[in-house]
Amino acid sequence: MVVAQGKVKKVFRSRISVLTIVCLSAFFLLTSLMLEEHHGFFLLGGLVFIILLLGGVRYIIKDGKIYEKVWFIPTGSLIIANIISIKRAYNTLPAGAASFKRLHLTMDFGCRYPFVFISPVREQEFIMELTTVNPKILVDVPDQKEWRNIHDWNI
């Protein structure tokens, strides 16, 4: 928790999964091998992308919004009052998350995005912060270990 100018903000980093690292690395390696020219540049770009994604995704709850940043670059925000429900999701859809174990946030009708996938490390604390701001959020996220966890390494 960080206090700045009398306002409280909570920062949550993104969960990182081994499967995400393996899939992204394999994709960039195989694609760079298939390219005849400039494969080194593509592989270097892929490595930079993986490092940025895995090391720097943060979710910041402040002033009734969720702000997403990749390192120091703001990538978007959501108004917490527009969240209808939170569910567990395991998918490969593009999202600002470095894990396939995600939270599926369903947004109110008329919002820019009908749903958003995020993957904070301290999920239950994150959900509690959201429900403090918007108590109408329907939460369907079990607080238990699942078979997908291997020594606390999530997929």
N, C-alpha and C. Protein backbone atom coordinates (compact mmCIF):
# COMPACT_ATOMS: atom_id res chain seq x y z
N MET A 1 0.85 -1.17 0.00
CA MET A 1 0.00 0.00 0.00
C MET A 1 0.90 1.24 0.00
N VAL A 2 0.57 2.16 -0.87
CA VAL A 2 1.33 3.39 -1.00
C VAL A 2 0.40 4.56 -0.76
N VAL A 3 0.84 5.52 0.05
CA VAL A 3 0.04 6.71 0.30
C VAL A 3 0.70 7.87 -0.43
N ALA A 4 -0.06 8.49 -1.34
CA ALA A 4 0.46 9.62 -2.11
C ALA A 4 -0.53 10.77 -2.03
N GLN A 5 -0.13 11.87 -1.47
CA GLN A 5 -0.95 13.06 -1.35
C GLN A 5 -2.29 12.76 -0.68
N GLY A 6 -2.26 11.97 0.37
CA GLY A 6 -3.47 11.67 1.13
C GLY A 6 -4.35 10.61 0.51
N LYS A 7 -3.98 10.05 -0.64
CA LYS A 7 -4.79 9.03 -1.30
C LYS A 7 -4.08 7.69 -1.19
N VAL A 8 -4.87 6.65 -0.94
CA VAL A 8 -4.31 5.31 -0.78
C VAL A 8 -4.43 4.56 -2.10
N LYS A 9 -3.34 3.89 -2.47
CA LYS A 9 -3.40 3.03 -3.64
C LYS A 9 -2.79 1.69 -3.29
N LYS A 10 -3.34 0.64 -3.88
CA LYS A 10 -2.84 -0.71 -3.69
C LYS A 10 -2.23 -1.18 -4.99
N VAL A 11 -1.06 -1.79 -4.92
CA VAL A 11 -0.37 -2.28 -6.10
C VAL A 11 -0.28 -3.80 -6.03
N PHE A 12 -0.68 -4.46 -7.11
CA PHE A 12 -0.62 -5.92 -7.22
C PHE A 12 0.15 -6.25 -8.49
N ARG A 13 1.14 -7.10 -8.38
CA ARG A 13 1.86 -7.51 -9.58
C ARG A 13 1.13 -8.69 -10.22
N SER A 14 1.43 -8.95 -11.46
CA SER A 14 0.78 -10.04 -12.19
C SER A 14 1.41 -11.37 -11.81
N ARG A 15 0.58 -12.39 -11.78
CA ARG A 15 1.06 -13.77 -11.57
C ARG A 15 1.86 -14.16 -12.81
N ILE A 16 2.90 -14.93 -12.62
CA ILE A 16 3.73 -15.42 -13.73
C ILE A 16 3.67 -16.93 -13.72
N SER A 17 3.39 -17.53 -14.88
CA SER A 17 3.32 -18.99 -14.93
C SER A 17 4.44 -19.55 -15.81
N VAL A 18 4.87 -20.73 -15.46
CA VAL A 18 5.91 -21.43 -16.19
C VAL A 18 5.43 -21.75 -17.60
N LEU A 19 4.17 -22.15 -17.73
CA LEU A 19 3.62 -22.50 -19.04
C LEU A 19 3.62 -21.30 -19.98
N THR A 20 3.35 -20.12 -19.47
CA THR A 20 3.39 -18.91 -20.30
C THR A 20 4.80 -18.67 -20.81
N ILE A 21 5.80 -18.81 -19.96
CA ILE A 21 7.19 -18.62 -20.36
C ILE A 21 7.56 -19.62 -21.45
N VAL A 22 7.20 -20.88 -21.27
CA VAL A 22 7.53 -21.93 -22.24
C VAL A 22 6.84 -21.66 -23.58
N CYS A 23 5.55 -21.34 -23.55
CA CYS A 23 4.80 -21.10 -24.80
C CYS A 23 5.34 -19.89 -25.56
N LEU A 24 5.56 -18.79 -24.88
CA LEU A 24 6.07 -17.59 -25.56
C LEU A 24 7.48 -17.82 -26.10
N SER A 25 8.32 -18.47 -25.33
CA SER A 25 9.69 -18.74 -25.78
C SER A 25 9.68 -19.65 -27.01
N ALA A 26 8.86 -20.70 -26.98
CA ALA A 26 8.78 -21.62 -28.12
C ALA A 26 8.26 -20.90 -29.36
N PHE A 27 7.25 -20.05 -29.18
CA PHE A 27 6.70 -19.30 -30.32
C PHE A 27 7.76 -18.42 -30.97
N PHE A 28 8.45 -17.63 -30.18
CA PHE A 28 9.45 -16.72 -30.75
C PHE A 28 10.65 -17.48 -31.32
N LEU A 29 11.04 -18.57 -30.69
CA LEU A 29 12.16 -19.35 -31.20
C LEU A 29 11.81 -20.01 -32.53
N LEU A 30 10.66 -20.67 -32.59
CA LEU A 30 10.25 -21.35 -33.83
C LEU A 30 10.00 -20.35 -34.96
N THR A 31 9.38 -19.23 -34.66
CA THR A 31 9.12 -18.22 -35.69
C THR A 31 10.43 -17.64 -36.21
N SER A 32 11.37 -17.39 -35.32
CA SER A 32 12.65 -16.83 -35.78
C SER A 32 13.43 -17.84 -36.61
N LEU A 33 13.28 -19.14 -36.31
CA LEU A 33 13.96 -20.16 -37.11
C LEU A 33 13.35 -20.29 -38.50
N MET A 34 12.04 -20.02 -38.62
CA MET A 34 11.37 -20.11 -39.92
C MET A 34 11.68 -18.92 -40.81
N LEU A 35 12.05 -17.81 -40.24
CA LEU A 35 12.39 -16.63 -41.03
C LEU A 35 13.78 -16.79 -41.62
N GLU A 36 13.92 -16.48 -42.90
CA GLU A 36 15.22 -16.62 -43.53
C GLU A 36 16.10 -15.42 -43.25
N GLU A 37 15.49 -14.24 -43.22
CA GLU A 37 16.25 -13.02 -42.97
C GLU A 37 15.80 -12.38 -41.67
N HIS A 38 16.67 -11.74 -41.01
CA HIS A 38 16.38 -10.95 -39.81
C HIS A 38 15.82 -11.78 -38.66
N HIS A 39 16.13 -13.05 -38.61
CA HIS A 39 15.59 -13.88 -37.52
C HIS A 39 16.18 -13.49 -36.17
N GLY A 40 17.38 -12.96 -36.19
CA GLY A 40 18.00 -12.52 -34.94
C GLY A 40 17.26 -11.33 -34.33
N PHE A 41 16.82 -10.41 -35.19
CA PHE A 41 16.06 -9.26 -34.70
C PHE A 41 14.72 -9.69 -34.12
N PHE A 42 14.07 -10.64 -34.79
CA PHE A 42 12.78 -11.13 -34.31
C PHE A 42 12.95 -11.84 -32.97
N LEU A 43 13.99 -12.66 -32.86
CA LEU A 43 14.25 -13.37 -31.61
C LEU A 43 14.58 -12.39 -30.49
N LEU A 44 15.36 -11.37 -30.76
CA LEU A 44 15.68 -10.35 -29.76
C LEU A 44 14.43 -9.58 -29.35
N GLY A 45 13.59 -9.21 -30.33
CA GLY A 45 12.33 -8.54 -30.03
C GLY A 45 11.43 -9.40 -29.17
N GLY A 46 11.38 -10.69 -29.47
CA GLY A 46 10.58 -11.62 -28.66
C GLY A 46 11.10 -11.72 -27.24
N LEU A 47 12.40 -11.75 -27.09
CA LEU A 47 13.01 -11.81 -25.76
C LEU A 47 12.68 -10.56 -24.95
N VAL A 48 12.76 -9.41 -25.59
CA VAL A 48 12.42 -8.15 -24.92
C VAL A 48 10.95 -8.16 -24.51
N PHE A 49 10.07 -8.64 -25.40
CA PHE A 49 8.64 -8.72 -25.10
C PHE A 49 8.39 -9.62 -23.89
N ILE A 50 9.03 -10.77 -23.85
CA ILE A 50 8.85 -11.70 -22.73
C ILE A 50 9.33 -11.07 -21.42
N ILE A 51 10.47 -10.41 -21.45
CA ILE A 51 10.99 -9.77 -20.25
C ILE A 51 10.05 -8.67 -19.77
N LEU A 52 9.54 -7.85 -20.70
CA LEU A 52 8.60 -6.79 -20.32
C LEU A 52 7.33 -7.36 -19.72
N LEU A 53 6.79 -8.40 -20.36
CA LEU A 53 5.54 -8.98 -19.89
C LEU A 53 5.72 -9.65 -18.53
N LEU A 54 6.76 -10.44 -18.39
CA LEU A 54 6.93 -11.22 -17.17
C LEU A 54 7.41 -10.40 -15.98
N GLY A 55 8.13 -9.36 -16.24
CA GLY A 55 8.70 -8.63 -15.12
C GLY A 55 8.00 -7.37 -14.71
N GLY A 56 7.07 -6.89 -15.52
CA GLY A 56 6.61 -5.56 -15.20
C GLY A 56 5.12 -5.29 -15.17
N VAL A 57 4.27 -6.28 -15.28
CA VAL A 57 2.83 -6.01 -15.28
C VAL A 57 2.36 -5.77 -13.85
N ARG A 58 1.70 -4.63 -13.65
CA ARG A 58 1.19 -4.25 -12.33
C ARG A 58 -0.25 -3.78 -12.47
N TYR A 59 -1.05 -4.09 -11.46
CA TYR A 59 -2.42 -3.58 -11.37
C TYR A 59 -2.48 -2.67 -10.16
N ILE A 60 -2.94 -1.45 -10.36
CA ILE A 60 -2.98 -0.46 -9.29
C ILE A 60 -4.43 -0.08 -9.05
N ILE A 61 -4.89 -0.23 -7.81
CA ILE A 61 -6.24 0.18 -7.44
C ILE A 61 -6.13 1.52 -6.75
N LYS A 62 -6.77 2.54 -7.36
CA LYS A 62 -6.69 3.89 -6.83
C LYS A 62 -7.86 4.71 -7.37
N ASP A 63 -8.46 5.50 -6.52
CA ASP A 63 -9.52 6.42 -6.92
C ASP A 63 -10.68 5.73 -7.64
N GLY A 64 -11.05 4.52 -7.21
CA GLY A 64 -12.19 3.81 -7.80
C GLY A 64 -11.91 3.20 -9.16
N LYS A 65 -10.63 3.07 -9.53
CA LYS A 65 -10.25 2.50 -10.81
C LYS A 65 -9.15 1.45 -10.63
N ILE A 66 -9.05 0.57 -11.62
CA ILE A 66 -7.91 -0.34 -11.73
C ILE A 66 -7.07 0.17 -12.88
N TYR A 67 -5.83 0.51 -12.60
CA TYR A 67 -4.89 0.95 -13.63
C TYR A 67 -3.93 -0.20 -13.90
N GLU A 68 -3.67 -0.45 -15.18
CA GLU A 68 -2.69 -1.47 -15.54
C GLU A 68 -1.48 -0.79 -16.12
N LYS A 69 -0.31 -1.21 -15.65
CA LYS A 69 0.95 -0.68 -16.17
C LYS A 69 1.88 -1.83 -16.52
N VAL A 70 2.60 -1.67 -17.61
CA VAL A 70 3.68 -2.58 -17.95
C VAL A 70 4.95 -1.77 -17.75
N TRP A 71 5.69 -2.11 -16.72
CA TRP A 71 6.81 -1.35 -16.21
C TRP A 71 6.31 0.04 -15.86
N PHE A 72 6.69 1.06 -16.57
CA PHE A 72 6.25 2.42 -16.26
C PHE A 72 5.21 2.93 -17.27
N ILE A 73 4.83 2.09 -18.22
CA ILE A 73 3.92 2.50 -19.29
C ILE A 73 2.48 2.16 -18.92
N PRO A 74 1.59 3.15 -18.79
CA PRO A 74 0.19 2.86 -18.52
C PRO A 74 -0.47 2.23 -19.75
N THR A 75 -1.17 1.12 -19.55
CA THR A 75 -1.79 0.42 -20.68
C THR A 75 -3.31 0.44 -20.65
N GLY A 76 -3.90 0.97 -19.59
CA GLY A 76 -5.34 1.07 -19.55
C GLY A 76 -5.87 1.19 -18.13
N SER A 77 -7.17 1.44 -18.06
CA SER A 77 -7.81 1.52 -16.74
C SER A 77 -9.25 1.07 -16.85
N LEU A 78 -9.79 0.62 -15.72
CA LEU A 78 -11.19 0.19 -15.62
C LEU A 78 -11.82 0.89 -14.42
N ILE A 79 -13.07 1.26 -14.57
CA ILE A 79 -13.81 1.82 -13.45
C ILE A 79 -14.40 0.66 -12.66
N ILE A 80 -14.06 0.56 -11.39
CA ILE A 80 -14.48 -0.57 -10.56
C ILE A 80 -16.00 -0.63 -10.43
N ALA A 81 -16.67 0.51 -10.44
CA ALA A 81 -18.13 0.54 -10.34
C ALA A 81 -18.80 -0.13 -11.54
N ASN A 82 -18.10 -0.30 -12.66
CA ASN A 82 -18.65 -0.94 -13.86
C ASN A 82 -18.47 -2.45 -13.88
N ILE A 83 -17.80 -3.02 -12.88
CA ILE A 83 -17.59 -4.47 -12.85
C ILE A 83 -18.85 -5.14 -12.31
N ILE A 84 -19.35 -6.11 -13.06
CA ILE A 84 -20.55 -6.85 -12.65
C ILE A 84 -20.18 -8.11 -11.89
N SER A 85 -19.22 -8.88 -12.44
CA SER A 85 -18.87 -10.15 -11.80
C SER A 85 -17.39 -10.48 -12.01
N ILE A 86 -16.91 -11.36 -11.13
CA ILE A 86 -15.54 -11.87 -11.21
C ILE A 86 -15.62 -13.38 -11.14
N LYS A 87 -15.02 -14.06 -12.12
CA LYS A 87 -15.01 -15.53 -12.17
C LYS A 87 -13.59 -16.01 -12.45
N ARG A 88 -13.35 -17.28 -12.19
CA ARG A 88 -12.07 -17.92 -12.51
C ARG A 88 -12.07 -18.23 -14.01
N ALA A 89 -10.94 -18.06 -14.65
CA ALA A 89 -10.80 -18.40 -16.07
C ALA A 89 -9.42 -18.99 -16.33
N TYR A 90 -9.38 -19.98 -17.20
CA TYR A 90 -8.13 -20.54 -17.70
C TYR A 90 -8.23 -20.49 -19.21
N ASN A 91 -7.52 -19.58 -19.84
CA ASN A 91 -7.61 -19.49 -21.29
C ASN A 91 -6.35 -18.86 -21.86
N THR A 92 -6.29 -18.86 -23.18
CA THR A 92 -5.12 -18.32 -23.86
C THR A 92 -5.45 -17.04 -24.63
N LEU A 93 -6.60 -16.45 -24.37
CA LEU A 93 -6.94 -15.20 -25.03
C LEU A 93 -5.92 -14.12 -24.63
N PRO A 94 -5.60 -13.22 -25.55
CA PRO A 94 -4.66 -12.14 -25.21
C PRO A 94 -5.17 -11.31 -24.03
N ALA A 95 -4.28 -11.06 -23.11
CA ALA A 95 -4.65 -10.29 -21.93
C ALA A 95 -3.39 -9.72 -21.29
N GLY A 96 -3.59 -8.75 -20.41
CA GLY A 96 -2.48 -8.17 -19.68
C GLY A 96 -2.15 -9.03 -18.47
N ALA A 97 -1.81 -10.27 -18.74
CA ALA A 97 -1.52 -11.21 -17.66
C ALA A 97 -0.44 -12.17 -18.13
N ALA A 98 0.46 -12.51 -17.25
CA ALA A 98 1.56 -13.42 -17.59
C ALA A 98 1.26 -14.83 -17.11
N SER A 99 0.00 -15.17 -17.01
CA SER A 99 -0.42 -16.49 -16.54
C SER A 99 -1.72 -16.86 -17.24
N PHE A 100 -1.95 -18.16 -17.39
CA PHE A 100 -3.23 -18.62 -17.94
C PHE A 100 -4.29 -18.75 -16.86
N LYS A 101 -3.89 -18.69 -15.60
CA LYS A 101 -4.86 -18.68 -14.50
C LYS A 101 -5.23 -17.22 -14.26
N ARG A 102 -6.47 -16.88 -14.58
CA ARG A 102 -6.85 -15.47 -14.61
C ARG A 102 -8.18 -15.24 -13.92
N LEU A 103 -8.44 -13.97 -13.70
CA LEU A 103 -9.75 -13.54 -13.25
C LEU A 103 -10.47 -12.95 -14.46
N HIS A 104 -11.70 -13.39 -14.66
CA HIS A 104 -12.52 -12.89 -15.76
C HIS A 104 -13.46 -11.84 -15.19
N LEU A 105 -13.21 -10.58 -15.50
CA LEU A 105 -14.06 -9.49 -15.03
C LEU A 105 -15.09 -9.17 -16.10
N THR A 106 -16.36 -9.34 -15.77
CA THR A 106 -17.43 -8.98 -16.69
C THR A 106 -17.83 -7.55 -16.39
N MET A 107 -17.85 -6.74 -17.45
CA MET A 107 -18.12 -5.32 -17.28
C MET A 107 -19.57 -5.00 -17.60
N ASP A 108 -20.02 -3.85 -17.12
CA ASP A 108 -21.37 -3.36 -17.34
C ASP A 108 -21.62 -3.12 -18.83
N PHE A 109 -22.88 -3.27 -19.24
CA PHE A 109 -23.26 -3.02 -20.62
C PHE A 109 -22.92 -1.57 -20.99
N GLY A 110 -22.34 -1.39 -22.14
CA GLY A 110 -21.99 -0.04 -22.58
C GLY A 110 -20.55 0.33 -22.32
N CYS A 111 -19.81 -0.51 -21.59
CA CYS A 111 -18.39 -0.24 -21.37
C CYS A 111 -17.61 -0.54 -22.65
N ARG A 112 -16.44 0.01 -22.73
CA ARG A 112 -15.60 -0.17 -23.92
C ARG A 112 -15.30 -1.64 -24.18
N TYR A 113 -15.01 -2.39 -23.11
CA TYR A 113 -14.73 -3.82 -23.22
C TYR A 113 -15.79 -4.57 -22.42
N PRO A 114 -16.42 -5.60 -23.01
CA PRO A 114 -17.44 -6.35 -22.26
C PRO A 114 -16.84 -7.23 -21.17
N PHE A 115 -15.59 -7.62 -21.34
CA PHE A 115 -14.90 -8.42 -20.32
C PHE A 115 -13.41 -8.15 -20.39
N VAL A 116 -12.74 -8.45 -19.28
CA VAL A 116 -11.29 -8.23 -19.18
C VAL A 116 -10.71 -9.40 -18.41
N PHE A 117 -9.53 -9.85 -18.81
CA PHE A 117 -8.80 -10.89 -18.08
C PHE A 117 -7.58 -10.28 -17.41
N ILE A 118 -7.43 -10.54 -16.12
CA ILE A 118 -6.26 -10.09 -15.38
C ILE A 118 -5.80 -11.23 -14.48
N SER A 119 -4.60 -11.11 -13.96
CA SER A 119 -4.05 -12.19 -13.15
C SER A 119 -3.19 -11.67 -12.00
N PRO A 120 -3.80 -11.08 -10.98
CA PRO A 120 -3.00 -10.59 -9.85
C PRO A 120 -2.51 -11.74 -8.98
N VAL A 121 -1.36 -11.55 -8.35
CA VAL A 121 -0.79 -12.60 -7.50
C VAL A 121 -1.65 -12.84 -6.26
N ARG A 122 -1.95 -11.83 -5.52
CA ARG A 122 -2.74 -11.97 -4.28
C ARG A 122 -4.23 -11.78 -4.63
N GLU A 123 -4.79 -12.82 -5.26
CA GLU A 123 -6.14 -12.73 -5.79
C GLU A 123 -7.20 -12.35 -4.77
N GLN A 124 -7.22 -13.06 -3.65
CA GLN A 124 -8.28 -12.83 -2.67
C GLN A 124 -8.21 -11.41 -2.11
N GLU A 125 -7.02 -10.91 -1.87
CA GLU A 125 -6.86 -9.54 -1.40
C GLU A 125 -7.30 -8.55 -2.48
N PHE A 126 -6.98 -8.85 -3.73
CA PHE A 126 -7.38 -8.02 -4.86
C PHE A 126 -8.91 -7.96 -4.96
N ILE A 127 -9.54 -9.12 -4.88
CA ILE A 127 -11.00 -9.18 -4.95
C ILE A 127 -11.63 -8.43 -3.78
N MET A 128 -11.05 -8.57 -2.60
CA MET A 128 -11.57 -7.86 -1.43
C MET A 128 -11.49 -6.34 -1.65
N GLU A 129 -10.41 -5.85 -2.23
CA GLU A 129 -10.28 -4.43 -2.51
C GLU A 129 -11.36 -3.97 -3.50
N LEU A 130 -11.61 -4.80 -4.52
CA LEU A 130 -12.63 -4.43 -5.51
C LEU A 130 -14.03 -4.42 -4.89
N THR A 131 -14.33 -5.41 -4.07
CA THR A 131 -15.66 -5.47 -3.45
C THR A 131 -15.84 -4.41 -2.37
N THR A 132 -14.75 -3.89 -1.84
CA THR A 132 -14.84 -2.77 -0.91
C THR A 132 -15.32 -1.52 -1.66
N VAL A 133 -14.80 -1.33 -2.86
CA VAL A 133 -15.20 -0.18 -3.67
C VAL A 133 -16.60 -0.40 -4.27
N ASN A 134 -16.87 -1.62 -4.75
CA ASN A 134 -18.15 -1.94 -5.38
C ASN A 134 -18.71 -3.22 -4.77
N PRO A 135 -19.51 -3.12 -3.70
CA PRO A 135 -20.03 -4.32 -3.04
C PRO A 135 -21.04 -5.11 -3.87
N LYS A 136 -21.47 -4.60 -5.01
CA LYS A 136 -22.44 -5.29 -5.86
C LYS A 136 -21.79 -6.34 -6.76
N ILE A 137 -20.47 -6.42 -6.78
CA ILE A 137 -19.77 -7.39 -7.64
C ILE A 137 -20.10 -8.80 -7.19
N LEU A 138 -20.52 -9.65 -8.14
CA LEU A 138 -20.75 -11.07 -7.87
C LEU A 138 -19.43 -11.80 -8.03
N VAL A 139 -19.01 -12.50 -6.99
CA VAL A 139 -17.71 -13.17 -7.00
C VAL A 139 -17.91 -14.68 -7.01
N ASP A 140 -17.31 -15.35 -7.99
CA ASP A 140 -17.33 -16.80 -8.08
C ASP A 140 -15.91 -17.30 -8.32
N VAL A 141 -15.07 -17.11 -7.31
CA VAL A 141 -13.67 -17.52 -7.39
C VAL A 141 -13.36 -18.35 -6.15
N PRO A 142 -13.16 -19.66 -6.33
CA PRO A 142 -12.86 -20.50 -5.17
C PRO A 142 -11.52 -20.14 -4.55
N ASP A 143 -11.46 -20.16 -3.23
CA ASP A 143 -10.23 -19.86 -2.50
C ASP A 143 -9.62 -21.18 -2.02
N GLN A 144 -9.16 -21.97 -2.98
CA GLN A 144 -8.60 -23.27 -2.63
C GLN A 144 -7.53 -23.65 -3.64
N LYS A 145 -6.69 -24.56 -3.24
CA LYS A 145 -5.66 -25.06 -4.14
C LYS A 145 -6.33 -25.94 -5.19
N GLU A 146 -5.81 -25.89 -6.40
CA GLU A 146 -6.37 -26.67 -7.48
C GLU A 146 -5.32 -27.63 -8.01
N TRP A 147 -5.76 -28.61 -8.77
CA TRP A 147 -4.85 -29.61 -9.31
C TRP A 147 -3.83 -28.99 -10.26
N ARG A 148 -4.12 -27.81 -10.81
CA ARG A 148 -3.21 -27.17 -11.74
C ARG A 148 -1.98 -26.58 -11.05
N ASN A 149 -2.01 -26.47 -9.73
CA ASN A 149 -0.87 -25.92 -9.00
C ASN A 149 0.15 -27.01 -8.75
N ILE A 150 1.38 -26.77 -9.14
CA ILE A 150 2.46 -27.71 -8.89
C ILE A 150 3.49 -26.94 -8.07
N HIS A 151 3.59 -27.24 -6.80
CA HIS A 151 4.49 -26.53 -5.90
C HIS A 151 4.26 -25.02 -5.97
N ASP A 152 2.98 -24.61 -6.00
CA ASP A 152 2.57 -23.21 -6.10
C ASP A 152 2.99 -22.53 -7.40
N TRP A 153 3.35 -23.30 -8.40
CA TRP A 153 3.60 -22.76 -9.73
C TRP A 153 2.33 -22.95 -10.53
N ASN A 154 1.68 -21.87 -10.85
CA ASN A 154 0.42 -21.96 -11.58
C ASN A 154 0.68 -22.06 -13.07
N ILE A 155 -0.29 -22.65 -13.77
CA ILE A 155 -0.15 -22.76 -15.22
C ILE A 155 -0.36 -21.41 -15.86
